[in-house]
Amino acid sequence: MRPLQDYRGRGVVVGTVTLCLAAGWALQTPGGVSLVIPQANINATVAQNILLSAEYSCRGVATVEWKHLSSWGTTKIAEWKSGSYINVSTEYKGRVTTFDNGSLQLLNVGMRDAGYYFITVTEEYGTNTYGTIVLSVYEIIYEDLHFVAVLFAFLAAVSALLICFMWLCNKSLHLFQKKMTHKLTASTTEEIELETIEC
């Protein structure tokens, strides 16, 4: 038979563990929301469509809100609650598409769309989480491409003119050589005839 003290020690340990588990369960909030941002930095060119990808999970119903912060200020883009409502600001009407997982597609981006995009996911129990995406927008500079095309055309034209000039020079040289040969032949024939006459 074991001493009574062993049973008391085990009882204290079991009681403490049970009390801790009960306290943890009681303090646990009924909700809880998590958010994953797969791509925190996005590079785009003007007039491109981009996806601000996000994925949240929670036990209750959540409200998703997207805001844009740039050197021009902060603008609320959209706010929606799954299966309930979607509010899109007038500045972004017709340019955004919302998704149930929290993602936002922005159509036809411009230079003013560059900046920081903040997503806030708030669960009905008050729990919320945040995420940030940085968007860089670059302009395609067609002037550079135009300059290269013009330079290429100019060089092609100059090389064609040089080739034509070299061909003309070559032809002229051949004609000149032919004339000189003909003159030399004629003068040699004359000299021979003169010598024959004198003799």
Protein backbone atom coordinates (compact mmCIF):
# COMPACT_ATOMS: atom_id res chain seq x y z
CA MET A 1 0.00 0.00 0.00
CA ARG A 2 1.29 3.44 -1.01
CA PRO A 3 1.60 6.24 1.49
CA LEU A 4 -1.15 8.83 1.55
CA GLN A 5 1.34 11.56 0.64
CA ASP A 6 1.86 10.14 -2.90
CA TYR A 7 -1.84 10.36 -3.67
CA ARG A 8 -2.01 13.92 -2.36
CA GLY A 9 0.93 15.00 -4.60
CA ARG A 10 -0.73 13.55 -7.65
CA GLY A 11 -4.02 15.14 -6.74
CA VAL A 12 -2.38 18.55 -6.46
CA VAL A 13 -0.73 18.15 -9.89
CA VAL A 14 -3.94 16.96 -11.56
CA GLY A 15 -5.90 19.76 -9.88
CA THR A 16 -3.40 22.39 -11.00
CA VAL A 17 -3.42 21.16 -14.60
CA THR A 18 -7.22 21.07 -14.63
CA LEU A 19 -7.43 24.57 -13.16
CA CYS A 20 -4.98 25.91 -15.80
CA LEU A 21 -6.94 24.31 -18.65
CA ALA A 22 -10.22 25.69 -17.32
CA ALA A 23 -8.73 29.19 -16.94
CA GLY A 24 -7.34 29.06 -20.48
CA TRP A 25 -10.68 27.94 -21.84
CA ALA A 26 -12.53 30.67 -19.91
CA LEU A 27 -10.14 33.42 -21.04
CA GLN A 28 -10.16 32.32 -24.65
CA THR A 29 -12.08 34.71 -26.91
CA PRO A 30 -14.94 33.15 -28.82
CA GLY A 31 -13.41 34.33 -32.11
CA GLY A 32 -9.98 34.74 -33.56
CA VAL A 33 -8.84 35.84 -37.00
CA SER A 34 -5.67 35.11 -38.95
CA LEU A 35 -4.44 36.78 -42.14
CA VAL A 36 -1.86 35.68 -44.71
CA ILE A 37 -0.39 38.04 -47.33
CA PRO A 38 1.42 35.83 -49.91
CA GLN A 39 3.09 38.72 -51.77
CA ALA A 40 3.95 41.85 -49.78
CA ASN A 41 5.65 43.70 -52.69
CA ILE A 42 4.09 44.00 -56.15
CA ASN A 43 5.63 45.61 -59.25
CA ALA A 44 3.31 46.65 -62.06
CA THR A 45 3.31 48.78 -65.20
CA VAL A 46 0.75 51.43 -66.11
CA ALA A 47 -2.61 50.06 -67.38
CA GLN A 48 -1.95 46.59 -65.90
CA ASN A 49 -4.48 44.72 -63.71
CA ILE A 50 -3.07 43.60 -60.36
CA LEU A 51 -4.28 41.34 -57.56
CA LEU A 52 -3.74 42.39 -53.96
CA SER A 53 -3.74 38.85 -52.66
CA ALA A 54 -4.83 38.11 -49.08
CA GLU A 55 -6.36 35.16 -47.31
CA TYR A 56 -8.02 35.32 -43.92
CA SER A 57 -9.66 32.74 -41.72
CA CYS A 58 -11.88 33.16 -38.68
CA ARG A 59 -14.62 31.36 -36.79
CA GLY A 60 -17.27 34.04 -37.18
CA VAL A 61 -18.26 36.49 -39.89
CA ALA A 62 -15.60 39.06 -40.72
CA THR A 63 -15.54 42.56 -42.19
CA VAL A 64 -12.74 43.30 -44.67
CA GLU A 65 -11.52 46.83 -45.33
CA TRP A 66 -8.88 48.00 -47.81
CA LYS A 67 -7.21 51.44 -47.68
CA HIS A 68 -4.61 53.07 -49.93
CA LEU A 69 -1.89 55.34 -48.51
CA SER A 70 0.24 57.41 -50.89
CA SER A 71 1.83 60.84 -51.09
CA TRP A 72 -1.64 62.17 -52.09
CA GLY A 73 -3.20 60.97 -48.83
CA THR A 74 -5.22 58.03 -47.49
CA THR A 75 -8.21 56.71 -49.40
CA LYS A 76 -10.67 54.02 -48.38
CA ILE A 77 -11.06 51.66 -51.32
CA ALA A 78 -13.65 49.12 -50.24
CA GLU A 79 -15.29 47.46 -47.26
CA TRP A 80 -17.35 44.30 -47.29
CA LYS A 81 -18.79 41.61 -45.04
CA SER A 82 -18.96 38.06 -46.36
CA GLY A 83 -22.41 37.36 -47.78
CA SER A 84 -23.80 40.68 -46.54
CA TYR A 85 -22.67 43.90 -48.27
CA ILE A 86 -19.93 45.49 -50.40
CA ASN A 87 -19.15 49.22 -50.22
CA VAL A 88 -16.73 50.56 -52.83
CA SER A 89 -15.68 54.23 -52.75
CA THR A 90 -16.75 56.34 -55.72
CA GLU A 91 -13.12 56.91 -56.76
CA TYR A 92 -12.68 53.14 -57.28
CA LYS A 93 -16.13 52.25 -58.68
CA GLY A 94 -15.73 49.98 -61.70
CA ARG A 95 -12.00 49.50 -61.01
CA VAL A 96 -12.06 46.95 -58.19
CA THR A 97 -13.22 43.40 -57.72
CA THR A 98 -13.55 41.93 -54.23
CA PHE A 99 -13.11 38.29 -53.30
CA ASP A 100 -14.46 36.27 -50.36
CA ASN A 101 -10.95 35.38 -49.13
CA GLY A 102 -10.13 39.10 -48.64
CA SER A 103 -8.24 39.68 -51.89
CA LEU A 104 -8.83 42.77 -54.00
CA GLN A 105 -8.24 43.14 -57.74
CA LEU A 106 -7.37 46.60 -59.01
CA LEU A 107 -7.94 47.22 -62.74
CA ASN A 108 -6.01 49.55 -65.04
CA VAL A 109 -3.48 50.86 -62.51
CA GLY A 110 -1.92 54.29 -62.92
CA MET A 111 1.00 56.12 -61.35
CA ARG A 112 -1.30 57.45 -58.59
CA ASP A 113 -2.08 53.87 -57.53
CA ALA A 114 1.48 53.32 -56.29
CA GLY A 115 1.87 53.23 -52.52
CA TYR A 116 0.84 51.20 -49.48
CA TYR A 117 -2.32 49.10 -49.34
CA PHE A 118 -3.63 48.23 -45.88
CA ILE A 119 -6.11 45.46 -45.21
CA THR A 120 -7.99 45.21 -41.91
CA VAL A 121 -10.01 42.09 -41.13
CA THR A 122 -12.37 42.50 -38.15
CA GLU A 123 -14.33 39.58 -36.75
CA GLU A 124 -17.82 40.07 -35.35
CA TYR A 125 -16.49 39.48 -31.80
CA GLY A 126 -14.11 42.44 -32.13
CA THR A 127 -10.88 40.58 -32.93
CA ASN A 128 -8.98 42.13 -35.83
CA THR A 129 -5.74 41.77 -37.76
CA TYR A 130 -3.85 43.86 -40.29
CA GLY A 131 -1.74 43.38 -43.40
CA THR A 132 0.22 45.61 -45.79
CA ILE A 133 1.12 45.36 -49.48
CA VAL A 134 3.48 47.78 -51.23
CA LEU A 135 2.65 48.49 -54.89
CA SER A 136 5.22 50.05 -57.24
CA VAL A 137 3.92 51.23 -60.62
CA TYR A 138 6.30 51.90 -63.51
CA GLU A 139 5.63 53.78 -66.70
CA ILE A 140 6.62 52.27 -70.05
CA ILE A 141 8.66 54.98 -71.72
CA TYR A 142 7.81 54.73 -75.40
CA GLU A 143 10.09 57.69 -76.24
CA ASP A 144 13.14 55.49 -75.60
CA LEU A 145 11.81 52.78 -77.91
CA HIS A 146 10.97 55.42 -80.51
CA PHE A 147 14.50 56.84 -80.30
CA VAL A 148 16.04 53.38 -80.77
CA ALA A 149 13.80 52.68 -83.78
CA VAL A 150 14.67 56.03 -85.39
CA LEU A 151 18.39 55.53 -84.74
CA PHE A 152 18.24 52.02 -86.25
CA ALA A 153 16.44 53.33 -89.35
CA PHE A 154 18.98 56.15 -89.71
CA LEU A 155 21.95 53.76 -89.45
CA ALA A 156 20.34 51.39 -91.97
CA ALA A 157 19.82 54.28 -94.42
CA VAL A 158 23.41 55.52 -93.99
CA SER A 159 24.82 52.02 -94.51
CA ALA A 160 22.66 51.60 -97.66
CA LEU A 161 23.97 54.93 -99.01
CA LEU A 162 27.56 53.91 -98.27
CA ILE A 163 27.08 50.60 -100.06
CA CYS A 164 25.63 52.42 -103.10
CA PHE A 165 28.50 54.94 -103.03
CA MET A 166 31.09 52.12 -102.87
CA TRP A 167 29.39 50.35 -105.78
CA LEU A 168 29.42 53.56 -107.88
CA CYS A 169 33.10 54.15 -107.04
CA ASN A 170 33.95 50.60 -108.04
CA LYS A 171 32.06 50.96 -111.36
CA SER A 172 33.72 54.31 -112.05
CA LEU A 173 37.14 52.84 -111.34
CA HIS A 174 36.50 49.97 -113.76
CA LEU A 175 35.35 52.40 -116.47
CA PHE A 176 38.35 54.63 -115.87
CA GLN A 177 40.71 51.63 -116.06
CA LYS A 178 39.02 50.49 -119.29
CA LYS A 179 39.40 53.95 -120.85
CA MET A 180 43.03 54.17 -119.78
CA THR A 181 43.74 50.73 -121.19
CA HIS A 182 42.00 51.69 -124.44
CA LYS A 183 43.96 54.98 -124.65
CA LEU A 184 47.24 53.20 -123.94
CA THR A 185 46.46 50.63 -126.59
CA ALA A 186 45.53 53.37 -129.10
CA SER A 187 48.67 55.43 -128.40
CA THR A 188 50.88 52.35 -128.61
CA THR A 189 49.31 51.48 -131.97
CA GLU A 190 49.89 55.05 -133.21
CA GLU A 191 53.54 54.96 -132.19
CA ILE A 192 54.04 51.66 -133.97
CA GLU A 193 52.39 53.07 -137.10
CA LEU A 194 54.57 56.19 -136.96
CA GLU A 195 57.70 54.15 -136.57
CA THR A 196 56.68 52.00 -139.51
CA ILE A 197 56.10 55.08 -141.67
CA GLU A 198 59.41 56.63 -140.73
CA CYS A 199 61.27 53.48 -141.56
